[in-house]
Amino acid sequence: MILRALLNTVMGMGTVFVVLIFISFIISLFKYIPAIQEKFSKKNAQPAPVKKPAPAPVKVVAKEEEEELVDDAELVAVITAAIMASCQTTNAVSADKLVVKSIRRARKRV
């Protein structure tokens, strides 16, 4: 009985290690993928069409895109609801005493 359990354990662990070695082998082959893709892209590449001379460049004045300002009432409602939901378990803030006065957009960290 114990011998059979030990044999099952060894077979299971052996199977796991064989599969892990196989996966490791497949991952080691990933370094050849860019070369294979390059070969296929060269076969499928069509000859470049003959370029016509470009017309004289036209000077275009670019308008600065303004940030689209949306009514913040909906955003305030969502943020207030999120604060209430997070404080609901601790009862830190009552619903009638919570006031959102301003919202600032955080700078993105790089």
PDB file of N, CA and C in Angstrom:
ATOM      1  N   MET A   1       0.831  -1.194   0.000  1.00  0.00           N
ATOM      2  CA  MET A   1       0.000   0.000   0.000  1.00  0.00           C
ATOM      3  C   MET A   1       0.875   1.257   0.000  1.00  0.00           C
ATOM      4  N   ILE A   2       1.829   1.334   0.913  1.00  0.00           N
ATOM      5  CA  ILE A   2       2.703   2.505   0.975  1.00  0.00           C
ATOM      6  C   ILE A   2       3.609   2.544  -0.245  1.00  0.00           C
ATOM      7  N   LEU A   3       4.018   1.395  -0.701  1.00  0.00           N
ATOM      8  CA  LEU A   3       4.862   1.336  -1.893  1.00  0.00           C
ATOM      9  C   LEU A   3       4.123   1.867  -3.113  1.00  0.00           C
ATOM     10  N   ARG A   4       2.854   1.543  -3.218  1.00  0.00           N
ATOM     11  CA  ARG A   4       2.043   2.039  -4.339  1.00  0.00           C
ATOM     12  C   ARG A   4       1.875   3.563  -4.252  1.00  0.00           C
ATOM     13  N   ALA A   5       1.650   4.103  -3.064  1.00  0.00           N
ATOM     14  CA  ALA A   5       1.516   5.553  -2.877  1.00  0.00           C
ATOM     15  C   ALA A   5       2.825   6.253  -3.216  1.00  0.00           C
ATOM     16  N   LEU A   6       3.937   5.644  -2.816  1.00  0.00           N
ATOM     17  CA  LEU A   6       5.241   6.221  -3.126  1.00  0.00           C
ATOM     18  C   LEU A   6       5.490   6.219  -4.637  1.00  0.00           C
ATOM     19  N   LEU A   7       5.090   5.130  -5.293  1.00  0.00           N
ATOM     20  CA  LEU A   7       5.237   5.045  -6.745  1.00  0.00           C
ATOM     21  C   LEU A   7       4.377   6.092  -7.452  1.00  0.00           C
ATOM     22  N   ASN A   8       3.157   6.302  -6.971  1.00  0.00           N
ATOM     23  CA  ASN A   8       2.289   7.335  -7.545  1.00  0.00           C
ATOM     24  C   ASN A   8       2.899   8.723  -7.368  1.00  0.00           C
ATOM     25  N   THR A   9       3.474   8.970  -6.215  1.00  0.00           N
ATOM     26  CA  THR A   9       4.105  10.268  -5.952  1.00  0.00           C
ATOM     27  C   THR A   9       5.289  10.495  -6.877  1.00  0.00           C
ATOM     28  N   VAL A  10       6.130   9.488  -7.029  1.00  0.00           N
ATOM     29  CA  VAL A  10       7.305   9.615  -7.893  1.00  0.00           C
ATOM     30  C   VAL A  10       6.873   9.808  -9.343  1.00  0.00           C
ATOM     31  N   MET A  11       5.856   9.085  -9.797  1.00  0.00           N
ATOM     32  CA  MET A  11       5.364   9.232 -11.175  1.00  0.00           C
ATOM     33  C   MET A  11       4.791  10.640 -11.396  1.00  0.00           C
ATOM     34  N   GLY A  12       4.048  11.128 -10.419  1.00  0.00           N
ATOM     35  CA  GLY A  12       3.478  12.477 -10.550  1.00  0.00           C
ATOM     36  C   GLY A  12       4.556  13.542 -10.603  1.00  0.00           C
ATOM     37  N   MET A  13       5.532  13.434  -9.706  1.00  0.00           N
ATOM     38  CA  MET A  13       6.617  14.428  -9.693  1.00  0.00           C
ATOM     39  C   MET A  13       7.460  14.307 -10.953  1.00  0.00           C
ATOM     40  N   GLY A  14       7.692  13.084 -11.413  1.00  0.00           N
ATOM     41  CA  GLY A  14       8.465  12.895 -12.647  1.00  0.00           C
ATOM     42  C   GLY A  14       7.762  13.512 -13.841  1.00  0.00           C
ATOM     43  N   THR A  15       6.444  13.332 -13.915  1.00  0.00           N
ATOM     44  CA  THR A  15       5.669  13.919 -15.010  1.00  0.00           C
ATOM     45  C   THR A  15       5.753  15.441 -14.978  1.00  0.00           C
ATOM     46  N   VAL A  16       5.630  16.014 -13.806  1.00  0.00           N
ATOM     47  CA  VAL A  16       5.706  17.470 -13.681  1.00  0.00           C
ATOM     48  C   VAL A  16       7.065  17.978 -14.142  1.00  0.00           C
ATOM     49  N   PHE A  17       8.146  17.327 -13.729  1.00  0.00           N
ATOM     50  CA  PHE A  17       9.477  17.783 -14.123  1.00  0.00           C
ATOM     51  C   PHE A  17       9.719  17.612 -15.623  1.00  0.00           C
ATOM     52  N   VAL A  18       9.213  16.543 -16.214  1.00  0.00           N
ATOM     53  CA  VAL A  18       9.366  16.363 -17.657  1.00  0.00           C
ATOM     54  C   VAL A  18       8.630  17.468 -18.411  1.00  0.00           C
ATOM     55  N   VAL A  19       7.424  17.797 -17.978  1.00  0.00           N
ATOM     56  CA  VAL A  19       6.662  18.866 -18.631  1.00  0.00           C
ATOM     57  C   VAL A  19       7.357  20.209 -18.433  1.00  0.00           C
ATOM     58  N   LEU A  20       7.902  20.473 -17.249  1.00  0.00           N
ATOM     59  CA  LEU A  20       8.615  21.733 -17.013  1.00  0.00           C
ATOM     60  C   LEU A  20       9.860  21.839 -17.890  1.00  0.00           C
ATOM     61  N   ILE A  21      10.567  20.749 -18.072  1.00  0.00           N
ATOM     62  CA  ILE A  21      11.745  20.764 -18.949  1.00  0.00           C
ATOM     63  C   ILE A  21      11.311  21.015 -20.390  1.00  0.00           C
ATOM     64  N   PHE A  22      10.209  20.415 -20.806  1.00  0.00           N
ATOM     65  CA  PHE A  22       9.689  20.629 -22.162  1.00  0.00           C
ATOM     66  C   PHE A  22       9.301  22.095 -22.364  1.00  0.00           C
ATOM     67  N   ILE A  23       8.623  22.680 -21.394  1.00  0.00           N
ATOM     68  CA  ILE A  23       8.243  24.103 -21.494  1.00  0.00           C
ATOM     69  C   ILE A  23       9.490  24.971 -21.538  1.00  0.00           C
ATOM     70  N   SER A  24      10.494  24.657 -20.758  1.00  0.00           N
ATOM     71  CA  SER A  24      11.747  25.412 -20.765  1.00  0.00           C
ATOM     72  C   SER A  24      12.407  25.338 -22.142  1.00  0.00           C
ATOM     73  N   PHE A  25      12.368  24.163 -22.763  1.00  0.00           N
ATOM     74  CA  PHE A  25      12.929  24.004 -24.105  1.00  0.00           C
ATOM     75  C   PHE A  25      12.179  24.866 -25.116  1.00  0.00           C
ATOM     76  N   ILE A  26      10.864  24.875 -25.033  1.00  0.00           N
ATOM     77  CA  ILE A  26      10.062  25.691 -25.953  1.00  0.00           C
ATOM     78  C   ILE A  26      10.377  27.168 -25.755  1.00  0.00           C
ATOM     79  N   ILE A  27      10.502  27.610 -24.525  1.00  0.00           N
ATOM     80  CA  ILE A  27      10.816  29.019 -24.264  1.00  0.00           C
ATOM     81  C   ILE A  27      12.202  29.363 -24.780  1.00  0.00           C
ATOM     82  N   SER A  28      13.137  28.435 -24.710  1.00  0.00           N
ATOM     83  CA  SER A  28      14.484  28.719 -25.218  1.00  0.00           C
ATOM     84  C   SER A  28      14.480  28.896 -26.734  1.00  0.00           C
ATOM     85  N   LEU A  29      13.485  28.365 -27.417  1.00  0.00           N
ATOM     86  CA  LEU A  29      13.394  28.516 -28.871  1.00  0.00           C
ATOM     87  C   LEU A  29      12.803  29.870 -29.291  1.00  0.00           C
ATOM     88  N   PHE A  30      12.291  30.640 -28.347  1.00  0.00           N
ATOM     89  CA  PHE A  30      11.685  31.926 -28.670  1.00  0.00           C
ATOM     90  C   PHE A  30      12.675  32.901 -29.289  1.00  0.00           C
ATOM     91  N   LYS A  31      13.963  32.745 -29.045  1.00  0.00           N
ATOM     92  CA  LYS A  31      14.942  33.684 -29.590  1.00  0.00           C
ATOM     93  C   LYS A  31      15.045  33.569 -31.104  1.00  0.00           C
ATOM     94  N   TYR A  32      14.547  32.486 -31.691  1.00  0.00           N
ATOM     95  CA  TYR A  32      14.605  32.303 -33.140  1.00  0.00           C
ATOM     96  C   TYR A  32      13.374  32.859 -33.857  1.00  0.00           C
ATOM     97  N   ILE A  33      12.366  33.266 -33.131  1.00  0.00           N
ATOM     98  CA  ILE A  33      11.128  33.749 -33.733  1.00  0.00           C
ATOM     99  C   ILE A  33      11.339  34.999 -34.587  1.00  0.00           C
ATOM    100  N   PRO A  34      12.096  36.027 -34.152  1.00  0.00           N
ATOM    101  CA  PRO A  34      12.265  37.205 -35.010  1.00  0.00           C
ATOM    102  C   PRO A  34      12.902  36.869 -36.362  1.00  0.00           C
ATOM    103  N   ALA A  35      13.860  35.956 -36.394  1.00  0.00           N
ATOM    104  CA  ALA A  35      14.498  35.591 -37.659  1.00  0.00           C
ATOM    105  C   ALA A  35      13.494  34.906 -38.581  1.00  0.00           C
ATOM    106  N   ILE A  36      12.653  34.066 -38.032  1.00  0.00           N
ATOM    107  CA  ILE A  36      11.648  33.377 -38.838  1.00  0.00           C
ATOM    108  C   ILE A  36      10.624  34.374 -39.375  1.00  0.00           C
ATOM    109  N   GLN A  37      10.204  35.316 -38.552  1.00  0.00           N
ATOM    110  CA  GLN A  37       9.257  36.334 -39.001  1.00  0.00           C
ATOM    111  C   GLN A  37       9.862  37.184 -40.109  1.00  0.00           C
ATOM    112  N   GLU A  38      11.130  37.506 -39.994  1.00  0.00           N
ATOM    113  CA  GLU A  38      11.802  38.311 -41.013  1.00  0.00           C
ATOM    114  C   GLU A  38      11.831  37.567 -42.346  1.00  0.00           C
ATOM    115  N   LYS A  39      12.084  36.270 -42.327  1.00  0.00           N
ATOM    116  CA  LYS A  39      12.102  35.483 -43.559  1.00  0.00           C
ATOM    117  C   LYS A  39      10.731  35.474 -44.215  1.00  0.00           C
ATOM    118  N   PHE A  40       9.680  35.301 -43.410  1.00  0.00           N
ATOM    119  CA  PHE A  40       8.334  35.288 -43.975  1.00  0.00           C
ATOM    120  C   PHE A  40       7.935  36.654 -44.504  1.00  0.00           C
ATOM    121  N   SER A  41       8.352  37.712 -43.844  1.00  0.00           N
ATOM    122  CA  SER A  41       7.984  39.054 -44.311  1.00  0.00           C
ATOM    123  C   SER A  41       8.703  39.388 -45.614  1.00  0.00           C
ATOM    124  N   LYS A  42       9.904  38.862 -45.816  1.00  0.00           N
ATOM    125  CA  LYS A  42      10.618  39.098 -47.069  1.00  0.00           C
ATOM    126  C   LYS A  42       9.944  38.369 -48.224  1.00  0.00           C
ATOM    127  N   LYS A  43       9.413  37.175 -47.983  1.00  0.00           N
ATOM    128  CA  LYS A  43       8.740  36.422 -49.028  1.00  0.00           C
ATOM    129  C   LYS A  43       7.445  37.106 -49.449  1.00  0.00           C
ATOM    130  N   ASN A  44       6.733  37.672 -48.492  1.00  0.00           N
ATOM    131  CA  ASN A  44       5.438  38.283 -48.770  1.00  0.00           C
ATOM    132  C   ASN A  44       5.542  39.750 -49.174  1.00  0.00           C
ATOM    133  N   ALA A  45       6.736  40.304 -49.104  1.00  0.00           N
ATOM    134  CA  ALA A  45       6.895  41.729 -49.418  1.00  0.00           C
ATOM    135  C   ALA A  45       6.728  41.946 -50.914  1.00  0.00           C
ATOM    136  N   GLN A  46       6.010  42.987 -51.260  1.00  0.00           N
ATOM    137  CA  GLN A  46       5.824  43.339 -52.659  1.00  0.00           C
ATOM    138  C   GLN A  46       6.817  44.422 -53.019  1.00  0.00           C
ATOM    139  N   PRO A  47       7.204  44.485 -54.286  1.00  0.00           N
ATOM    140  CA  PRO A  47       8.137  45.537 -54.667  1.00  0.00           C
ATOM    141  C   PRO A  47       7.509  46.916 -54.445  1.00  0.00           C
ATOM    142  N   ALA A  48       8.344  47.835 -54.028  1.00  0.00           N
ATOM    143  CA  ALA A  48       7.857  49.178 -53.718  1.00  0.00           C
ATOM    144  C   ALA A  48       7.426  49.880 -55.002  1.00  0.00           C
ATOM    145  N   PRO A  49       6.276  50.545 -54.989  1.00  0.00           N
ATOM    146  CA  PRO A  49       5.829  51.258 -56.186  1.00  0.00           C
ATOM    147  C   PRO A  49       6.719  52.476 -56.434  1.00  0.00           C
ATOM    148  N   VAL A  50       6.757  52.882 -57.693  1.00  0.00           N
ATOM    149  CA  VAL A  50       7.561  54.040 -58.070  1.00  0.00           C
ATOM    150  C   VAL A  50       6.905  55.283 -57.489  1.00  0.00           C
ATOM    151  N   LYS A  51       7.714  56.084 -56.814  1.00  0.00           N
ATOM    152  CA  LYS A  51       7.171  57.284 -56.181  1.00  0.00           C
ATOM    153  C   LYS A  51       7.111  58.425 -57.177  1.00  0.00           C
ATOM    154  N   LYS A  52       6.005  59.141 -57.130  1.00  0.00           N
ATOM    155  CA  LYS A  52       5.852  60.339 -57.960  1.00  0.00           C
ATOM    156  C   LYS A  52       6.417  61.515 -57.192  1.00  0.00           C
ATOM    157  N   PRO A  53       6.911  62.523 -57.893  1.00  0.00           N
ATOM    158  CA  PRO A  53       7.418  63.691 -57.165  1.00  0.00           C
ATOM    159  C   PRO A  53       6.301  64.335 -56.353  1.00  0.00           C
ATOM    160  N   ALA A  54       6.658  64.708 -55.154  1.00  0.00           N
ATOM    161  CA  ALA A  54       5.681  65.293 -54.241  1.00  0.00           C
ATOM    162  C   ALA A  54       5.359  66.718 -54.653  1.00  0.00           C
ATOM    163  N   PRO A  55       4.100  67.140 -54.527  1.00  0.00           N
ATOM    164  CA  PRO A  55       3.753  68.530 -54.832  1.00  0.00           C
ATOM    165  C   PRO A  55       4.388  69.459 -53.800  1.00  0.00           C
ATOM    166  N   ALA A  56       4.397  70.714 -54.128  1.00  0.00           N
ATOM    167  CA  ALA A  56       4.991  71.709 -53.239  1.00  0.00           C
ATOM    168  C   ALA A  56       4.281  71.647 -51.887  1.00  0.00           C
ATOM    169  N   PRO A  57       5.049  71.703 -50.799  1.00  0.00           N
ATOM    170  CA  PRO A  57       4.424  71.616 -49.481  1.00  0.00           C
ATOM    171  C   PRO A  57       3.533  72.823 -49.198  1.00  0.00           C
ATOM    172  N   VAL A  58       2.421  72.564 -48.591  1.00  0.00           N
ATOM    173  CA  VAL A  58       1.477  73.606 -48.222  1.00  0.00           C
ATOM    174  C   VAL A  58       1.655  73.870 -46.741  1.00  0.00           C
ATOM    175  N   LYS A  59       1.777  75.140 -46.410  1.00  0.00           N
ATOM    176  CA  LYS A  59       1.976  75.505 -45.023  1.00  0.00           C
ATOM    177  C   LYS A  59       0.626  75.472 -44.306  1.00  0.00           C
ATOM    178  N   VAL A  60       0.567  74.655 -43.280  1.00  0.00           N
ATOM    179  CA  VAL A  60      -0.665  74.504 -42.530  1.00  0.00           C
ATOM    180  C   VAL A  60      -0.411  74.989 -41.116  1.00  0.00           C
ATOM    181  N   VAL A  61      -1.297  75.830 -40.651  1.00  0.00           N
ATOM    182  CA  VAL A  61      -1.186  76.318 -39.285  1.00  0.00           C
ATOM    183  C   VAL A  61      -1.939  75.340 -38.395  1.00  0.00           C
ATOM    184  N   ALA A  62      -1.204  74.733 -37.491  1.00  0.00           N
ATOM    185  CA  ALA A  62      -1.815  73.737 -36.615  1.00  0.00           C
ATOM    186  C   ALA A  62      -2.474  74.426 -35.433  1.00  0.00           C
ATOM    187  N   LYS A  63      -3.691  74.042 -35.189  1.00  0.00           N
ATOM    188  CA  LYS A  63      -4.392  74.574 -34.032  1.00  0.00           C
ATOM    189  C   LYS A  63      -4.029  73.725 -32.827  1.00  0.00           C
ATOM    190  N   GLU A  64      -3.805  74.386 -31.732  1.00  0.00           N
ATOM    191  CA  GLU A  64      -3.511  73.650 -30.512  1.00  0.00           C
ATOM    192  C   GLU A  64      -4.794  72.988 -30.037  1.00  0.00           C
ATOM    193  N   GLU A  65      -4.676  71.704 -29.775  1.00  0.00           N
ATOM    194  CA  GLU A  65      -5.845  70.982 -29.307  1.00  0.00           C
ATOM    195  C   GLU A  65      -6.066  71.317 -27.840  1.00  0.00           C
ATOM    196  N   GLU A  66      -7.251  71.772 -27.569  1.00  0.00           N
ATOM    197  CA  GLU A  66      -7.588  72.101 -26.195  1.00  0.00           C
ATOM    198  C   GLU A  66      -8.122  70.850 -25.508  1.00  0.00           C
ATOM    199  N   GLU A  67      -7.817  70.746 -24.243  1.00  0.00           N
ATOM    200  CA  GLU A  67      -8.299  69.610 -23.484  1.00  0.00           C
ATOM    201  C   GLU A  67      -9.811  69.698 -23.392  1.00  0.00           C
ATOM    202  N   GLU A  68     -10.445  68.598 -23.693  1.00  0.00           N
ATOM    203  CA  GLU A  68     -11.884  68.586 -23.681  1.00  0.00           C
ATOM    204  C   GLU A  68     -12.371  68.589 -22.233  1.00  0.00           C
ATOM    205  N   LEU A  69     -13.031  69.659 -21.866  1.00  0.00           N
ATOM    206  CA  LEU A  69     -13.524  69.775 -20.501  1.00  0.00           C
ATOM    207  C   LEU A  69     -14.956  69.265 -20.447  1.00  0.00           C
ATOM    208  N   VAL A  70     -15.160  68.302 -19.614  1.00  0.00           N
ATOM    209  CA  VAL A  70     -16.469  67.687 -19.485  1.00  0.00           C
ATOM    210  C   VAL A  70     -17.074  68.170 -18.175  1.00  0.00           C
ATOM    211  N   ASP A  71     -18.386  68.165 -18.125  1.00  0.00           N
ATOM    212  CA  ASP A  71     -19.058  68.550 -16.897  1.00  0.00           C
ATOM    213  C   ASP A  71     -18.593  67.621 -15.777  1.00  0.00           C
ATOM    214  N   ASP A  72     -18.055  68.194 -14.716  1.00  0.00           N
ATOM    215  CA  ASP A  72     -17.456  67.411 -13.647  1.00  0.00           C
ATOM    216  C   ASP A  72     -18.477  66.877 -12.641  1.00  0.00           C
ATOM    217  N   ALA A  73     -19.735  67.179 -12.816  1.00  0.00           N
ATOM    218  CA  ALA A  73     -20.739  66.728 -11.848  1.00  0.00           C
ATOM    219  C   ALA A  73     -20.808  65.210 -11.815  1.00  0.00           C
ATOM    220  N   GLU A  74     -20.721  64.579 -12.982  1.00  0.00           N
ATOM    221  CA  GLU A  74     -20.771  63.120 -13.035  1.00  0.00           C
ATOM    222  C   GLU A  74     -19.532  62.513 -12.388  1.00  0.00           C
ATOM    223  N   LEU A  75     -18.372  63.129 -12.638  1.00  0.00           N
ATOM    224  CA  LEU A  75     -17.127  62.653 -12.050  1.00  0.00           C
ATOM    225  C   LEU A  75     -17.167  62.795 -10.531  1.00  0.00           C
ATOM    226  N   VAL A  76     -17.681  63.899 -10.045  1.00  0.00           N
ATOM    227  CA  VAL A  76     -17.794  64.118  -8.602  1.00  0.00           C
ATOM    228  C   VAL A  76     -18.708  63.066  -7.989  1.00  0.00           C
ATOM    229  N   ALA A  77     -19.788  62.747  -8.668  1.00  0.00           N
ATOM    230  CA  ALA A  77     -20.721  61.747  -8.146  1.00  0.00           C
ATOM    231  C   ALA A  77     -20.057  60.378  -8.045  1.00  0.00           C
ATOM    232  N   VAL A  78     -19.272  60.021  -9.056  1.00  0.00           N
ATOM    233  CA  VAL A  78     -18.599  58.720  -9.046  1.00  0.00           C
ATOM    234  C   VAL A  78     -17.555  58.666  -7.937  1.00  0.00           C
ATOM    235  N   ILE A  79     -16.769  59.719  -7.797  1.00  0.00           N
ATOM    236  CA  ILE A  79     -15.739  59.747  -6.757  1.00  0.00           C
ATOM    237  C   ILE A  79     -16.373  59.719  -5.366  1.00  0.00           C
ATOM    238  N   THR A  80     -17.441  60.461  -5.184  1.00  0.00           N
ATOM    239  CA  THR A  80     -18.144  60.469  -3.900  1.00  0.00           C
ATOM    240  C   THR A  80     -18.680  59.075  -3.573  1.00  0.00           C
ATOM    241  N   ALA A  81     -19.250  58.419  -4.568  1.00  0.00           N
ATOM    242  CA  ALA A  81     -19.764  57.064  -4.349  1.00  0.00           C
ATOM    243  C   ALA A  81     -18.638  56.101  -3.991  1.00  0.00           C
ATOM    244  N   ALA A  82     -17.485  56.263  -4.629  1.00  0.00           N
ATOM    245  CA  ALA A  82     -16.352  55.387  -4.317  1.00  0.00           C
ATOM    246  C   ALA A  82     -15.855  55.614  -2.894  1.00  0.00           C
ATOM    247  N   ILE A  83     -15.800  56.866  -2.485  1.00  0.00           N
ATOM    248  CA  ILE A  83     -15.367  57.174  -1.114  1.00  0.00           C
ATOM    249  C   ILE A  83     -16.361  56.610  -0.110  1.00  0.00           C
ATOM    250  N   MET A  84     -17.633  56.762  -0.394  1.00  0.00           N
ATOM    251  CA  MET A  84     -18.652  56.238   0.523  1.00  0.00           C
ATOM    252  C   MET A  84     -18.584  54.714   0.605  1.00  0.00           C
ATOM    253  N   ALA A  85     -18.339  54.066  -0.523  1.00  0.00           N
ATOM    254  CA  ALA A  85     -18.256  52.606  -0.525  1.00  0.00           C
ATOM    255  C   ALA A  85     -17.045  52.133   0.270  1.00  0.00           C
ATOM    256  N   SER A  86     -15.937  52.848   0.153  1.00  0.00           N
ATOM    257  CA  SER A  86     -14.744  52.419   0.885  1.00  0.00           C
ATOM    258  C   SER A  86     -14.847  52.735   2.370  1.00  0.00           C
ATOM    259  N   CYS A  87     -15.565  53.766   2.726  1.00  0.00           N
ATOM    260  CA  CYS A  87     -15.704  54.135   4.136  1.00  0.00           C
ATOM    261  C   CYS A  87     -16.895  53.460   4.797  1.00  0.00           C
ATOM    262  N   GLN A  88     -17.677  52.728   4.034  1.00  0.00           N
ATOM    263  CA  GLN A  88     -18.886  52.116   4.575  1.00  0.00           C
ATOM    264  C   GLN A  88     -18.569  51.052   5.616  1.00  0.00           C
ATOM    265  N   THR A  89     -17.459  50.350   5.449  1.00  0.00           N
ATOM    266  CA  THR A  89     -17.133  49.284   6.399  1.00  0.00           C
ATOM    267  C   THR A  89     -16.639  49.844   7.722  1.00  0.00           C
ATOM    268  N   THR A  90     -16.017  51.029   7.692  1.00  0.00           N
ATOM    269  CA  THR A  90     -15.475  51.596   8.929  1.00  0.00           C
ATOM    270  C   THR A  90     -16.362  52.676   9.520  1.00  0.00           C
ATOM    271  N   ASN A  91     -17.395  53.100   8.796  1.00  0.00           N
ATOM    272  CA  ASN A  91     -18.291  54.179   9.222  1.00  0.00           C
ATOM    273  C   ASN A  91     -17.502  55.437   9.576  1.00  0.00           C
ATOM    274  N   ALA A  92     -16.460  55.734   8.809  1.00  0.00           N
ATOM    275  CA  ALA A  92     -15.619  56.885   9.086  1.00  0.00           C
ATOM    276  C   ALA A  92     -16.295  58.189   8.681  1.00  0.00           C
ATOM    277  N   VAL A  93     -17.106  58.149   7.638  1.00  0.00           N
ATOM    278  CA  VAL A  93     -17.743  59.360   7.131  1.00  0.00           C
ATOM    279  C   VAL A  93     -19.223  59.073   6.925  1.00  0.00           C
ATOM    280  N   SER A  94     -20.065  59.978   7.421  1.00  0.00           N
ATOM    281  CA  SER A  94     -21.495  59.803   7.182  1.00  0.00           C
ATOM    282  C   SER A  94     -21.851  60.410   5.828  1.00  0.00           C
ATOM    283  N   ALA A  95     -22.902  59.933   5.226  1.00  0.00           N
ATOM    284  CA  ALA A  95     -23.271  60.332   3.872  1.00  0.00           C
ATOM    285  C   ALA A  95     -23.622  61.813   3.791  1.00  0.00           C
ATOM    286  N   ASP A  96     -24.196  62.378   4.821  1.00  0.00           N
ATOM    287  CA  ASP A  96     -24.605  63.782   4.746  1.00  0.00           C
ATOM    288  C   ASP A  96     -23.477  64.751   5.083  1.00  0.00           C
ATOM    289  N   LYS A  97     -22.348  64.278   5.594  1.00  0.00           N
ATOM    290  CA  LYS A  97     -21.246  65.169   5.938  1.00  0.00           C
ATOM    291  C   LYS A  97     -20.122  65.155   4.916  1.00  0.00           C
ATOM    292  N   LEU A  98     -20.201  64.298   3.922  1.00  0.00           N
ATOM    293  CA  LEU A  98     -19.147  64.210   2.914  1.00  0.00           C
ATOM    294  C   LEU A  98     -19.403  65.228   1.814  1.00  0.00           C
ATOM    295  N   VAL A  99     -18.427  66.104   1.573  1.00  0.00           N
ATOM    296  CA  VAL A  99     -18.531  67.121   0.525  1.00  0.00           C
ATOM    297  C   VAL A  99     -17.245  67.109  -0.283  1.00  0.00           C
ATOM    298  N   VAL A 100     -17.355  66.961  -1.607  1.00  0.00           N
ATOM    299  CA  VAL A 100     -16.195  67.031  -2.488  1.00  0.00           C
ATOM    300  C   VAL A 100     -16.123  68.460  -2.988  1.00  0.00           C
ATOM    301  N   LYS A 101     -15.048  69.185  -2.604  1.00  0.00           N
ATOM    302  CA  LYS A 101     -14.940  70.591  -2.962  1.00  0.00           C
ATOM    303  C   LYS A 101     -14.197  70.795  -4.272  1.00  0.00           C
ATOM    304  N   SER A 102     -13.168  69.993  -4.517  1.00  0.00           N
ATOM    305  CA  SER A 102     -12.417  70.156  -5.766  1.00  0.00           C
ATOM    306  C   SER A 102     -11.790  68.831  -6.154  1.00  0.00           C
ATOM    307  N   ILE A 103     -11.507  68.748  -7.458  1.00  0.00           N
ATOM    308  CA  ILE A 103     -10.852  67.567  -7.993  1.00  0.00           C
ATOM    309  C   ILE A 103      -9.644  68.023  -8.783  1.00  0.00           C
ATOM    310  N   ARG A 104      -8.483  67.460  -8.459  1.00  0.00           N
ATOM    311  CA  ARG A 104      -7.273  67.779  -9.213  1.00  0.00           C
ATOM    312  C   ARG A 104      -6.827  66.538  -9.960  1.00  0.00           C
ATOM    313  N   ARG A 105      -6.372  66.745 -11.173  1.00  0.00           N
ATOM    314  CA  ARG A 105      -5.858  65.636 -11.963  1.00  0.00           C
ATOM    315  C   ARG A 105      -4.425  65.384 -11.544  1.00  0.00           C
ATOM    316  N   ALA A 106      -4.098  64.162 -11.194  1.00  0.00           N
ATOM    317  CA  ALA A 106      -2.767  63.800 -10.760  1.00  0.00           C
ATOM    318  C   ALA A 106      -1.835  63.703 -11.964  1.00  0.00           C
ATOM    319  N   ARG A 107      -0.566  64.054 -11.753  1.00  0.00           N
ATOM    320  CA  ARG A 107       0.415  63.927 -12.820  1.00  0.00           C
ATOM    321  C   ARG A 107       0.783  62.466 -12.991  1.00  0.00           C
ATOM    322  N   LYS A 108       0.997  62.071 -14.228  1.00  0.00           N
ATOM    323  CA  LYS A 108       1.382  60.692 -14.484  1.00  0.00           C
ATOM    324  C   LYS A 108       2.831  60.498 -14.132  1.00  0.00           C
ATOM    325  N   ARG A 109       3.102  59.412 -13.416  1.00  0.00           N
ATOM    326  CA  ARG A 109       4.481  59.085 -13.070  1.00  0.00           C
ATOM    327  C   ARG A 109       5.058  58.231 -14.172  1.00  0.00           C
ATOM    328  N   VAL A 110       6.313  58.511 -14.494  1.00  0.00           N
ATOM    329  CA  VAL A 110       6.960  57.752 -15.564  1.00  0.00           C
ATOM    330  C   VAL A 110       7.977  56.821 -14.987  1.00  0.00           C
TER     331      VAL A 110
END
